[in-house]
Protein backbone atom coordinates (compact mmCIF):
# COMPACT_ATOMS: atom_id res chain seq x y z
CA MET A 1 -74.45 -8.50 -16.05
CA PRO A 2 -70.76 -8.12 -15.13
CA LEU A 3 -69.31 -4.74 -14.23
CA GLY A 4 -66.76 -4.93 -17.03
CA VAL A 5 -63.70 -5.78 -14.95
CA PHE A 6 -63.92 -9.56 -15.10
CA GLU A 7 -65.70 -12.15 -17.21
CA GLU A 8 -69.15 -13.26 -16.09
CA PRO A 9 -69.05 -16.81 -14.65
CA GLU A 10 -71.28 -19.72 -15.49
CA SER A 11 -73.92 -20.69 -12.95
CA ARG A 12 -76.06 -23.72 -12.14
CA ARG A 13 -79.56 -24.07 -10.75
CA VAL A 14 -79.76 -24.30 -6.96
CA LYS A 15 -82.97 -24.84 -4.99
CA PRO A 16 -83.78 -21.94 -2.59
CA PHE A 17 -83.79 -22.62 1.13
CA LYS A 18 -86.15 -20.10 2.75
CA SER A 19 -86.28 -21.15 6.41
CA GLN A 20 -84.41 -18.33 8.18
CA LEU A 21 -82.92 -19.10 11.60
CA LEU A 22 -81.23 -15.83 12.64
CA LYS A 23 -81.86 -12.26 11.56
CA TRP A 24 -78.63 -10.38 10.97
CA VAL A 25 -77.30 -7.37 9.09
CA GLY A 26 -76.51 -8.48 5.53
CA ASN A 27 -78.60 -11.66 5.84
CA LYS A 28 -78.62 -13.36 2.44
CA GLN A 29 -81.36 -15.94 3.03
CA ARG A 30 -83.60 -14.81 0.15
CA PHE A 31 -80.89 -14.98 -2.51
CA ALA A 32 -78.33 -17.40 -1.05
CA HIS A 33 -79.26 -19.92 -3.75
CA ASN A 34 -78.15 -17.40 -6.39
CA ILE A 35 -74.77 -17.06 -4.70
CA VAL A 36 -74.38 -20.83 -4.34
CA SER A 37 -75.19 -21.26 -8.03
CA TYR A 38 -71.72 -19.83 -8.82
CA PHE A 39 -69.86 -22.12 -6.40
CA PRO A 40 -67.67 -24.99 -7.68
CA SER A 41 -69.61 -28.20 -8.21
CA GLN A 42 -66.94 -30.16 -6.31
CA PHE A 43 -64.60 -29.24 -3.47
CA GLY A 44 -63.14 -30.64 -0.26
CA THR A 45 -63.99 -28.72 2.91
CA TYR A 46 -66.17 -25.63 2.72
CA TYR A 47 -65.10 -22.62 4.81
CA GLU A 48 -67.23 -19.62 5.74
CA PRO A 49 -65.10 -17.31 7.94
CA PHE A 50 -67.76 -14.57 8.37
CA ILE A 51 -70.64 -16.85 9.33
CA GLY A 52 -73.22 -14.19 10.27
CA SER A 53 -76.71 -15.62 9.76
CA GLY A 54 -75.34 -18.78 8.13
CA SER A 55 -77.80 -18.55 5.23
CA VAL A 56 -75.32 -19.49 2.51
CA LEU A 57 -73.96 -22.37 4.59
CA ALA A 58 -77.44 -23.79 5.19
CA THR A 59 -78.45 -23.39 1.55
CA LEU A 60 -75.32 -25.23 0.42
CA ALA A 61 -75.58 -27.85 3.22
CA PRO A 62 -72.04 -29.19 2.60
CA ALA A 63 -70.92 -32.59 3.84
CA GLN A 64 -67.87 -31.09 5.55
CA ALA A 65 -67.47 -27.46 6.57
CA VAL A 66 -65.95 -24.96 8.97
CA GLY A 67 -67.96 -21.89 9.96
CA SER A 68 -66.39 -19.16 12.10
CA ASP A 69 -66.73 -15.65 13.47
CA VAL A 70 -64.93 -13.34 15.92
CA PHE A 71 -68.06 -12.49 17.96
CA PRO A 72 -68.28 -14.96 20.91
CA PRO A 73 -72.08 -14.82 21.50
CA LEU A 74 -72.81 -15.39 17.79
CA THR A 75 -70.30 -18.23 17.58
CA GLU A 76 -71.82 -19.80 20.69
CA ILE A 77 -75.24 -19.85 19.02
CA TRP A 78 -73.80 -21.90 16.15
CA GLN A 79 -71.82 -24.19 18.44
CA THR A 80 -74.96 -24.83 20.49
CA LEU A 81 -76.93 -25.59 17.34
CA HIS A 82 -74.28 -28.21 16.52
CA ARG A 83 -74.00 -29.89 19.92
CA ALA A 84 -77.35 -29.22 21.65
CA PRO A 85 -80.08 -27.86 19.34
CA GLU A 86 -82.76 -28.42 22.00
CA THR A 87 -80.94 -25.85 24.14
CA LEU A 88 -81.45 -23.22 21.43
CA ILE A 89 -85.13 -24.09 21.37
CA ARG A 90 -85.38 -23.65 25.14
CA TRP A 91 -83.49 -20.31 25.10
CA TYR A 92 -85.89 -18.89 22.55
CA ALA A 93 -89.05 -20.30 24.11
CA GLU A 94 -88.23 -18.95 27.58
CA ARG A 95 -87.58 -15.42 26.34
CA ARG A 96 -90.55 -15.33 24.01
CA ALA A 97 -92.84 -16.47 26.82
CA SER A 98 -91.43 -13.72 29.01
CA MET A 99 -92.05 -11.09 26.33
CA MET A 100 -95.58 -12.26 25.53
CA GLY A 101 -96.46 -12.61 29.21
CA GLY A 102 -95.76 -8.98 30.03
CA GLU A 103 -95.51 -5.55 28.47
CA LYS A 104 -93.72 -6.28 25.18
CA VAL A 105 -91.28 -3.38 24.95
CA ALA A 106 -90.42 -3.50 28.65
CA GLN A 107 -89.64 -7.22 28.44
CA TYR A 108 -87.56 -6.69 25.32
CA GLU A 109 -85.58 -3.96 27.08
CA ARG A 110 -85.03 -6.27 30.03
CA ILE A 111 -83.55 -8.95 27.77
CA LYS A 112 -81.45 -6.35 25.96
CA ALA A 113 -80.14 -5.04 29.28
CA SER A 114 -79.25 -8.59 30.30
CA PHE A 115 -77.27 -9.01 27.09
CA ASN A 116 -75.48 -5.68 27.41
CA ALA A 117 -74.53 -6.41 31.02
CA ALA A 118 -72.97 -9.75 30.03
CA PRO A 119 -73.04 -10.55 26.27
CA ASN A 120 -74.32 -14.10 25.79
CA ALA A 121 -75.73 -16.39 23.12
CA ALA A 122 -79.13 -17.00 24.73
CA ASP A 123 -80.12 -13.34 24.84
CA LEU A 124 -78.63 -12.55 21.43
CA LEU A 125 -80.59 -15.39 19.84
CA PHE A 126 -83.89 -13.86 20.89
CA LEU A 127 -82.87 -10.23 20.36
CA CYS A 128 -81.91 -10.83 16.73
CA ARG A 129 -85.36 -12.28 16.07
CA SER A 130 -87.30 -9.61 17.96
CA CYS A 131 -85.40 -6.35 17.33
CA TYR A 132 -86.47 -3.80 14.74
CA GLY A 133 -85.89 -5.11 11.21
CA GLY A 134 -83.45 -7.76 12.45
CA VAL A 135 -80.77 -5.04 12.46
CA VAL A 136 -78.58 -6.02 15.42
CA ARG A 137 -76.73 -2.77 15.91
CA PHE A 138 -73.64 -2.36 18.13
CA ARG A 139 -72.31 0.95 19.42
CA LYS A 140 -68.76 1.52 18.23
CA ARG A 141 -67.16 2.72 21.45
CA ASP A 142 -68.27 -0.10 23.75
CA GLY A 143 -70.17 -2.77 21.77
CA TYR A 144 -73.53 -1.84 23.34
CA MET A 145 -76.44 -3.46 21.45
CA SER A 146 -78.76 -0.51 20.82
CA THR A 147 -81.54 -1.66 18.48
CA ARG A 148 -85.07 -0.96 19.66
CA CYS A 149 -87.88 -3.51 19.86
CA GLY A 150 -89.45 -4.55 16.57
CA VAL A 151 -93.08 -3.85 15.74
CA HIS A 152 -93.61 -7.48 14.73
CA THR A 153 -94.47 -10.42 16.98
CA PRO A 154 -91.59 -12.94 17.14
CA ILE A 155 -92.49 -16.27 15.56
CA PRO A 156 -94.03 -18.90 17.89
CA ALA A 157 -91.62 -21.12 19.78
CA THR A 158 -93.04 -24.21 18.05
CA LYS A 159 -92.20 -22.82 14.61
CA PHE A 160 -88.75 -21.75 15.74
CA ALA A 161 -88.15 -25.27 17.07
CA LEU A 162 -88.89 -26.71 13.63
CA ARG A 163 -86.36 -24.35 12.09
CA VAL A 164 -83.69 -25.25 14.64
CA ARG A 165 -84.06 -28.95 13.93
CA GLU A 166 -83.96 -28.40 10.16
CA TRP A 167 -80.86 -26.20 10.43
CA SER A 168 -79.24 -28.75 12.72
CA ARG A 169 -79.63 -31.37 10.00
CA ARG A 170 -78.37 -29.10 7.23
CA THR A 171 -75.26 -28.07 9.19
CA ALA A 172 -74.51 -31.47 10.73
CA GLY A 173 -71.16 -31.68 8.96
CA THR A 174 -70.01 -28.24 10.10
CA THR A 175 -67.51 -27.39 12.83
CA PHE A 176 -68.03 -23.90 14.29
CA LEU A 177 -65.03 -21.96 15.54
CA LEU A 178 -64.44 -18.70 17.40
CA ALA A 179 -61.70 -17.41 15.13
CA ASP A 180 -60.50 -14.46 13.10
CA PHE A 181 -60.97 -14.93 9.35
CA GLU A 182 -57.22 -15.22 8.75
CA GLU A 183 -56.89 -17.99 11.33
CA ALA A 184 -59.83 -19.90 9.83
CA MET A 185 -58.79 -19.47 6.19
CA SER A 186 -55.22 -20.56 6.95
CA GLN A 187 -56.60 -24.07 7.57
CA ALA A 188 -57.94 -24.43 4.02
CA LYS A 189 -55.97 -26.77 1.78
CA ALA A 190 -55.72 -27.34 -1.97
CA GLY A 191 -59.11 -28.43 -3.28
CA ASP A 192 -61.05 -26.71 -0.48
CA PHE A 193 -63.43 -23.79 -1.04
CA VAL A 194 -63.91 -20.55 0.91
CA TYR A 195 -66.88 -18.17 0.75
CA CYS A 196 -66.26 -14.74 2.30
CA ASP A 197 -69.08 -12.38 3.25
CA PRO A 198 -67.22 -9.71 5.26
CA PRO A 199 -68.70 -6.54 6.78
CA TYR A 200 -69.40 -4.15 3.94
CA THR A 201 -67.14 -1.14 4.30
CA ASP A 202 -69.77 1.18 2.83
CA THR A 203 -72.79 0.23 4.94
CA GLN A 204 -72.13 -2.14 7.84
CA ALA A 205 -69.96 -0.29 10.37
CA ILE A 206 -72.67 -1.04 12.96
CA LEU A 207 -71.74 -4.75 13.04
CA TYR A 208 -69.73 -6.12 15.94
CA GLY A 209 -66.09 -6.32 14.85
CA ALA A 210 -66.67 -4.40 11.63
CA GLN A 211 -64.94 -1.26 12.87
CA SER A 212 -61.56 -3.01 12.97
CA PHE A 213 -62.03 -4.96 9.73
CA ARG A 214 -59.64 -4.13 6.88
CA LEU A 215 -60.44 -5.28 3.35
CA SER A 216 -56.77 -5.03 2.33
CA ARG A 217 -55.92 -7.74 4.86
CA LEU A 218 -58.66 -9.98 3.50
CA PHE A 219 -57.37 -9.53 -0.05
CA ARG A 220 -53.92 -10.64 1.13
CA VAL A 221 -55.33 -13.77 2.78
CA ILE A 222 -57.43 -14.57 -0.32
CA GLY A 223 -54.24 -14.32 -2.39
CA GLU A 224 -52.50 -16.77 -0.08
CA CYS A 225 -55.43 -19.20 -0.39
CA LYS A 226 -55.38 -18.94 -4.17
CA ALA A 227 -51.64 -19.68 -4.20
CA ARG A 228 -52.30 -22.88 -2.20
CA GLY A 229 -54.95 -24.08 -4.65
CA VAL A 230 -57.95 -23.02 -2.54
CA LYS A 231 -60.85 -21.49 -4.49
CA VAL A 232 -62.44 -18.38 -2.98
CA ALA A 233 -65.69 -16.49 -3.61
CA LEU A 234 -66.15 -13.01 -2.13
CA SER A 235 -69.38 -11.04 -1.68
CA ILE A 236 -68.70 -7.33 -1.62
CA ASP A 237 -70.43 -3.96 -1.98
CA GLY A 238 -72.12 -3.60 -5.34
CA THR A 239 -74.78 -1.21 -6.54
CA LYS A 240 -77.32 0.68 -4.49
CA ARG A 241 -80.27 2.92 -5.36
CA THR A 242 -81.26 0.84 -8.42
CA GLY A 243 -77.76 0.77 -9.82
CA GLU A 244 -76.85 4.44 -9.44
CA LYS A 245 -73.85 3.70 -7.25
CA ILE A 246 -70.93 1.31 -7.58
CA CYS A 247 -68.72 1.31 -4.50
CA ALA A 248 -65.14 2.18 -5.42
CA ILE A 249 -63.05 -0.64 -4.00
CA PRO A 250 -59.35 -1.07 -4.94
CA ILE A 251 -59.29 -4.72 -6.03
CA PRO A 252 -55.78 -6.18 -6.57
CA ASN A 253 -54.90 -7.11 -10.13
CA ASP A 254 -54.90 -10.83 -10.99
CA LEU A 255 -56.67 -11.89 -7.77
CA PHE A 256 -60.09 -12.66 -9.26
CA GLU A 257 -61.05 -14.30 -12.55
CA HIS A 258 -64.82 -13.79 -12.72
CA GLU A 259 -67.52 -11.48 -11.39
CA ALA A 260 -71.31 -11.60 -11.13
CA LEU A 261 -73.98 -9.26 -9.77
CA VAL A 262 -76.49 -10.79 -7.38
CA ASN A 263 -79.78 -8.91 -6.90
CA CYS A 264 -80.44 -8.60 -3.17
CA GLY A 265 -83.83 -6.90 -3.28
CA ARG A 266 -84.53 -4.07 -0.84
CA SER A 267 -82.29 -3.52 2.17
CA MET A 268 -83.73 -3.74 5.69
CA LEU A 269 -80.62 -1.94 6.93
CA ARG A 270 -81.49 0.94 4.63
CA ARG A 271 -85.04 0.99 6.05
CA PHE A 272 -83.58 1.16 9.55
CA GLN A 273 -81.40 4.10 8.54
CA MET A 274 -84.37 5.83 6.87
CA GLY A 275 -86.62 5.46 9.91
CA GLY A 276 -89.12 3.14 8.22
CA GLN A 277 -89.65 5.24 5.09
CA SER A 278 -90.46 3.67 1.73
CA LEU A 279 -87.68 1.63 0.14
CA GLU A 280 -88.83 2.33 -3.38
CA GLY A 281 -85.65 2.80 -5.43
CA GLU A 282 -83.42 1.23 -2.75
CA VAL A 283 -82.62 -2.01 -4.57
CA VAL A 284 -79.22 -3.47 -3.68
CA ALA A 285 -76.92 -5.70 -5.72
CA ASP A 286 -73.87 -7.55 -4.40
CA ARG A 287 -70.74 -8.13 -6.41
CA LEU A 288 -69.64 -11.78 -6.25
CA LEU A 289 -65.94 -12.07 -7.10
CA LEU A 290 -64.42 -15.47 -7.84
CA THR A 291 -60.75 -16.53 -7.92
CA TYR A 292 -61.63 -19.33 -10.34
């Protein structure tokens, strides 16, 4: 149901795509099809300027798209998927073999130390799949990746290889850029479509780059896109603790036309913050705001 500020939009049925490639804070793989169900049925180029785990992009599988992020190692993962998917497979297989061939936590810490000494895509790829809860946490003062080793066993290299090849096919029409969201969104033209999934101001300060993110700047850029005839959808903080909380966000008047709530299930980030306690009552819902 809408929150009473905007009208509730119409939606269409979209088939879920459940094959997760990366684990990332705010990963929307389980409900990306619900988000996509509110997207326009036709548009030119699709833009996703906060690419993260890429779950919405892969679910949509657009013919022509631009995905971008400001974090070089993350962007390099996506660029490598586009130009040399077999390299991603090798990166993962080598590090998993190292972990499984020795003492698990010690090997994980070795890979984490390698990443922190010189941030790179190969180490980050494996860390995001093997760290606790998939919560890739960065220390604010220096960008140090601090998440401990997960209790789970990372998926076999053969299964990961299948996912890489499937994702490579679904994102074949996408160009991946290392770019700030404003730079990426400025390329969008009339008839194009932009989906924004920025760091959530209420919960995701642990993300790389989130500390300097300003929602007011994003609202300005969305307004500029709208004025050029570019349609924009924005995922933003919604309700937490089974609807008890609605994040107070100053949304500019006349920027959005419709709003929907998307049920996100239980938050792994919240479990991380609670030290593995029960998530009963920790259901999260995103607000999806549309300029159309």
